[in-house]
Amino acid sequence: MAEQNEPLVERPETGEVSAYPLDGGNDGPIVIANEFADVVIRKVETRNGMRLDIWSPRRGSRVLLDAVALDCLSYQEPDLISQLIARNPGQ
């Protein structure tokens, strides 16, 4: 059982809620976290093909990115990424 202050992972496809994954190994999610943010990343199959599912438990936001979107991110200038980080979502 997770401590009360620990984030929980919800698996929408099964409705399960479990303790925050620390290491998904080769088959499970990848968790990347520091003191400012944490994200859970999974590869998922959709009707429209493979997607990267990026979920922010702290914000409650999620995005599914396909190969074209990921490729587009790979050639962006670091300045654009800095601008995205400086943006305050929800305003």
N, C-alpha and C. Protein backbone atom coordinates (compact mmCIF):
# COMPACT_ATOMS: atom_id res chain seq x y z
N MET A 1 0.85 -1.19 0.00
CA MET A 1 0.00 0.00 0.00
C MET A 1 0.88 1.24 0.00
N ALA A 2 0.57 2.23 -0.82
CA ALA A 2 1.36 3.45 -0.92
C ALA A 2 1.06 4.37 0.27
N GLU A 3 2.08 5.12 0.67
CA GLU A 3 1.85 6.13 1.70
C GLU A 3 0.91 7.18 1.15
N GLN A 4 0.28 7.92 2.03
CA GLN A 4 -0.74 8.88 1.60
C GLN A 4 -0.18 9.97 0.69
N ASN A 5 1.06 10.41 0.90
CA ASN A 5 1.63 11.49 0.10
C ASN A 5 2.20 11.02 -1.22
N GLU A 6 2.33 9.72 -1.42
CA GLU A 6 2.87 9.20 -2.67
C GLU A 6 1.81 9.25 -3.76
N PRO A 7 2.21 9.63 -5.00
CA PRO A 7 1.23 9.61 -6.09
C PRO A 7 0.83 8.18 -6.42
N LEU A 8 -0.35 8.03 -6.99
CA LEU A 8 -0.83 6.73 -7.40
C LEU A 8 -0.90 6.68 -8.91
N VAL A 9 -0.80 5.50 -9.45
CA VAL A 9 -0.90 5.28 -10.88
C VAL A 9 -2.26 4.68 -11.17
N GLU A 10 -2.96 5.26 -12.12
CA GLU A 10 -4.24 4.72 -12.54
C GLU A 10 -4.07 4.13 -13.92
N ARG A 11 -4.52 2.92 -14.11
CA ARG A 11 -4.43 2.27 -15.42
C ARG A 11 -5.83 2.32 -16.04
N PRO A 12 -6.05 3.31 -16.93
CA PRO A 12 -7.40 3.49 -17.48
C PRO A 12 -7.93 2.25 -18.19
N GLU A 13 -7.06 1.46 -18.81
CA GLU A 13 -7.54 0.30 -19.55
C GLU A 13 -8.11 -0.78 -18.64
N THR A 14 -7.68 -0.84 -17.37
CA THR A 14 -8.19 -1.86 -16.45
C THR A 14 -8.94 -1.26 -15.27
N GLY A 15 -8.78 0.04 -15.02
CA GLY A 15 -9.41 0.68 -13.88
C GLY A 15 -8.66 0.47 -12.58
N GLU A 16 -7.49 -0.20 -12.64
CA GLU A 16 -6.70 -0.45 -11.44
C GLU A 16 -6.01 0.82 -10.97
N VAL A 17 -5.88 0.96 -9.66
CA VAL A 17 -5.08 2.02 -9.08
C VAL A 17 -4.04 1.34 -8.20
N SER A 18 -2.77 1.69 -8.41
CA SER A 18 -1.73 1.04 -7.63
C SER A 18 -0.67 2.06 -7.22
N ALA A 19 0.25 1.61 -6.39
CA ALA A 19 1.34 2.49 -5.94
C ALA A 19 2.15 2.95 -7.14
N TYR A 20 2.75 4.09 -6.97
CA TYR A 20 3.58 4.71 -8.00
C TYR A 20 4.66 3.75 -8.47
N PRO A 21 4.83 3.51 -9.77
CA PRO A 21 5.83 2.56 -10.23
C PRO A 21 7.24 3.14 -10.08
N LEU A 22 8.12 2.37 -9.47
CA LEU A 22 9.49 2.82 -9.31
C LEU A 22 10.36 2.41 -10.49
N ASP A 23 10.13 1.22 -11.02
CA ASP A 23 10.89 0.74 -12.16
C ASP A 23 10.03 -0.24 -12.91
N GLY A 24 9.71 0.08 -14.14
CA GLY A 24 8.86 -0.79 -14.92
C GLY A 24 9.61 -1.89 -15.64
N GLY A 25 10.94 -1.90 -15.56
CA GLY A 25 11.70 -2.91 -16.29
C GLY A 25 11.51 -2.73 -17.78
N ASN A 26 11.58 -3.81 -18.51
CA ASN A 26 11.44 -3.74 -19.96
C ASN A 26 9.99 -3.68 -20.41
N ASP A 27 9.08 -4.19 -19.58
CA ASP A 27 7.68 -4.27 -19.98
C ASP A 27 6.80 -3.17 -19.40
N GLY A 28 7.23 -2.54 -18.35
CA GLY A 28 6.37 -1.60 -17.64
C GLY A 28 6.68 -0.16 -17.99
N PRO A 29 6.09 0.74 -17.24
CA PRO A 29 6.29 2.17 -17.50
C PRO A 29 7.69 2.62 -17.09
N ILE A 30 8.11 3.73 -17.66
CA ILE A 30 9.35 4.40 -17.28
C ILE A 30 8.94 5.62 -16.46
N VAL A 31 9.52 5.80 -15.29
CA VAL A 31 9.22 6.94 -14.45
C VAL A 31 10.44 7.84 -14.42
N ILE A 32 10.24 9.10 -14.77
CA ILE A 32 11.31 10.10 -14.72
C ILE A 32 10.83 11.20 -13.79
N ALA A 33 11.63 11.48 -12.75
CA ALA A 33 11.17 12.43 -11.73
C ALA A 33 12.34 13.19 -11.13
N ASN A 34 12.05 14.38 -10.66
CA ASN A 34 12.96 15.15 -9.81
C ASN A 34 12.09 15.95 -8.86
N GLU A 35 12.67 16.94 -8.18
CA GLU A 35 11.89 17.70 -7.20
C GLU A 35 10.84 18.62 -7.83
N PHE A 36 10.91 18.85 -9.14
CA PHE A 36 9.99 19.77 -9.80
C PHE A 36 8.87 19.08 -10.57
N ALA A 37 9.11 17.89 -11.04
CA ALA A 37 8.12 17.21 -11.88
C ALA A 37 8.35 15.71 -11.86
N ASP A 38 7.32 14.98 -12.24
CA ASP A 38 7.45 13.55 -12.45
C ASP A 38 6.52 13.16 -13.59
N VAL A 39 6.99 12.23 -14.41
CA VAL A 39 6.20 11.74 -15.53
C VAL A 39 6.31 10.23 -15.60
N VAL A 40 5.24 9.63 -16.08
CA VAL A 40 5.19 8.19 -16.32
C VAL A 40 5.03 8.03 -17.83
N ILE A 41 5.95 7.26 -18.42
CA ILE A 41 5.96 7.10 -19.88
C ILE A 41 5.76 5.63 -20.21
N ARG A 42 4.82 5.38 -21.14
CA ARG A 42 4.56 4.02 -21.59
C ARG A 42 4.38 3.99 -23.09
N LYS A 43 4.72 2.89 -23.69
CA LYS A 43 4.44 2.66 -25.10
C LYS A 43 3.10 1.93 -25.16
N VAL A 44 2.15 2.48 -25.92
CA VAL A 44 0.82 1.88 -25.99
C VAL A 44 0.40 1.69 -27.45
N GLU A 45 -0.37 0.65 -27.67
CA GLU A 45 -0.93 0.38 -28.98
C GLU A 45 -2.33 0.97 -29.03
N THR A 46 -2.63 1.78 -30.05
CA THR A 46 -3.97 2.35 -30.23
C THR A 46 -4.54 1.86 -31.56
N ARG A 47 -5.78 2.22 -31.84
CA ARG A 47 -6.37 1.87 -33.14
C ARG A 47 -5.56 2.43 -34.29
N ASN A 48 -4.92 3.58 -34.02
CA ASN A 48 -4.16 4.27 -35.06
C ASN A 48 -2.67 4.02 -34.99
N GLY A 49 -2.26 2.97 -34.30
CA GLY A 49 -0.85 2.61 -34.25
C GLY A 49 -0.22 2.88 -32.88
N MET A 50 1.07 2.67 -32.82
CA MET A 50 1.84 2.82 -31.59
C MET A 50 1.95 4.29 -31.20
N ARG A 51 1.82 4.55 -29.89
CA ARG A 51 1.95 5.90 -29.36
C ARG A 51 2.81 5.86 -28.11
N LEU A 52 3.41 7.00 -27.78
CA LEU A 52 4.08 7.17 -26.51
C LEU A 52 3.10 7.92 -25.61
N ASP A 53 2.73 7.30 -24.50
CA ASP A 53 1.79 7.87 -23.54
C ASP A 53 2.60 8.54 -22.45
N ILE A 54 2.50 9.86 -22.35
CA ILE A 54 3.24 10.62 -21.35
C ILE A 54 2.22 11.20 -20.38
N TRP A 55 2.35 10.82 -19.10
CA TRP A 55 1.38 11.20 -18.08
C TRP A 55 2.08 11.91 -16.94
N SER A 56 1.53 13.04 -16.51
CA SER A 56 2.03 13.78 -15.36
C SER A 56 1.05 13.60 -14.20
N PRO A 57 1.40 12.74 -13.24
CA PRO A 57 0.49 12.52 -12.11
C PRO A 57 0.24 13.79 -11.30
N ARG A 58 1.24 14.64 -11.13
CA ARG A 58 1.07 15.87 -10.33
C ARG A 58 0.08 16.83 -10.97
N ARG A 59 0.12 16.93 -12.29
CA ARG A 59 -0.79 17.84 -13.00
C ARG A 59 -2.07 17.16 -13.43
N GLY A 60 -2.03 15.84 -13.51
CA GLY A 60 -3.20 15.12 -14.00
C GLY A 60 -3.38 15.25 -15.50
N SER A 61 -2.30 15.54 -16.21
CA SER A 61 -2.39 15.70 -17.66
C SER A 61 -1.71 14.54 -18.38
N ARG A 62 -2.15 14.29 -19.60
CA ARG A 62 -1.64 13.18 -20.38
C ARG A 62 -1.65 13.56 -21.85
N VAL A 63 -0.65 13.04 -22.58
CA VAL A 63 -0.61 13.25 -24.02
C VAL A 63 -0.14 11.95 -24.67
N LEU A 64 -0.72 11.63 -25.81
CA LEU A 64 -0.29 10.49 -26.61
C LEU A 64 0.39 11.05 -27.86
N LEU A 65 1.64 10.67 -28.08
CA LEU A 65 2.40 11.18 -29.22
C LEU A 65 2.77 10.04 -30.15
N ASP A 66 2.56 10.26 -31.47
CA ASP A 66 2.96 9.25 -32.44
C ASP A 66 4.39 9.52 -32.92
N ALA A 67 4.87 8.70 -33.82
CA ALA A 67 6.25 8.82 -34.29
C ALA A 67 6.52 10.16 -34.96
N VAL A 68 5.55 10.69 -35.71
CA VAL A 68 5.73 11.98 -36.38
C VAL A 68 5.90 13.10 -35.35
N ALA A 69 5.07 13.11 -34.31
CA ALA A 69 5.17 14.14 -33.27
C ALA A 69 6.51 14.04 -32.52
N LEU A 70 6.94 12.81 -32.23
CA LEU A 70 8.22 12.62 -31.54
C LEU A 70 9.38 13.05 -32.42
N ASP A 71 9.30 12.73 -33.70
CA ASP A 71 10.35 13.15 -34.63
C ASP A 71 10.43 14.67 -34.69
N CYS A 72 9.27 15.33 -34.71
CA CYS A 72 9.22 16.80 -34.72
C CYS A 72 9.89 17.38 -33.49
N LEU A 73 9.67 16.77 -32.32
CA LEU A 73 10.31 17.23 -31.09
C LEU A 73 11.83 17.12 -31.18
N SER A 74 12.31 16.09 -31.86
CA SER A 74 13.75 15.83 -31.89
C SER A 74 14.55 16.89 -32.63
N TYR A 75 13.92 17.64 -33.54
CA TYR A 75 14.69 18.65 -34.26
C TYR A 75 14.36 20.08 -33.85
N GLN A 76 13.70 20.25 -32.73
CA GLN A 76 13.40 21.59 -32.23
C GLN A 76 14.64 22.20 -31.58
N GLU A 77 14.74 23.50 -31.66
CA GLU A 77 15.84 24.23 -31.01
C GLU A 77 15.62 24.20 -29.50
N PRO A 78 16.69 24.12 -28.73
CA PRO A 78 16.56 24.13 -27.27
C PRO A 78 15.81 25.35 -26.74
N ASP A 79 15.87 26.47 -27.46
CA ASP A 79 15.16 27.68 -27.03
C ASP A 79 13.64 27.46 -27.00
N LEU A 80 13.12 26.71 -27.96
CA LEU A 80 11.68 26.42 -27.97
C LEU A 80 11.29 25.60 -26.74
N ILE A 81 12.11 24.62 -26.40
CA ILE A 81 11.83 23.80 -25.22
C ILE A 81 11.86 24.67 -23.97
N SER A 82 12.81 25.61 -23.89
CA SER A 82 12.88 26.53 -22.75
C SER A 82 11.63 27.39 -22.66
N GLN A 83 11.10 27.82 -23.81
CA GLN A 83 9.87 28.62 -23.82
C GLN A 83 8.69 27.78 -23.33
N LEU A 84 8.64 26.53 -23.71
CA LEU A 84 7.55 25.65 -23.26
C LEU A 84 7.63 25.44 -21.76
N ILE A 85 8.84 25.30 -21.22
CA ILE A 85 9.01 25.11 -19.78
C ILE A 85 8.58 26.35 -19.02
N ALA A 86 8.87 27.54 -19.57
CA ALA A 86 8.53 28.81 -18.91
C ALA A 86 7.03 29.08 -18.93
N ARG A 87 6.31 28.47 -19.88
CA ARG A 87 4.86 28.68 -20.00
C ARG A 87 4.15 28.07 -18.79
N ASN A 88 3.16 28.76 -18.28
CA ASN A 88 2.39 28.26 -17.15
C ASN A 88 1.09 27.64 -17.67
N PRO A 89 1.01 26.30 -17.74
CA PRO A 89 -0.21 25.67 -18.25
C PRO A 89 -1.44 26.07 -17.44
N GLY A 90 -2.54 26.22 -18.14
CA GLY A 90 -3.79 26.55 -17.47
C GLY A 90 -4.09 28.03 -17.42
N GLN A 91 -3.16 28.85 -17.91
CA GLN A 91 -3.44 30.29 -17.90
C GLN A 91 -3.76 30.79 -19.27
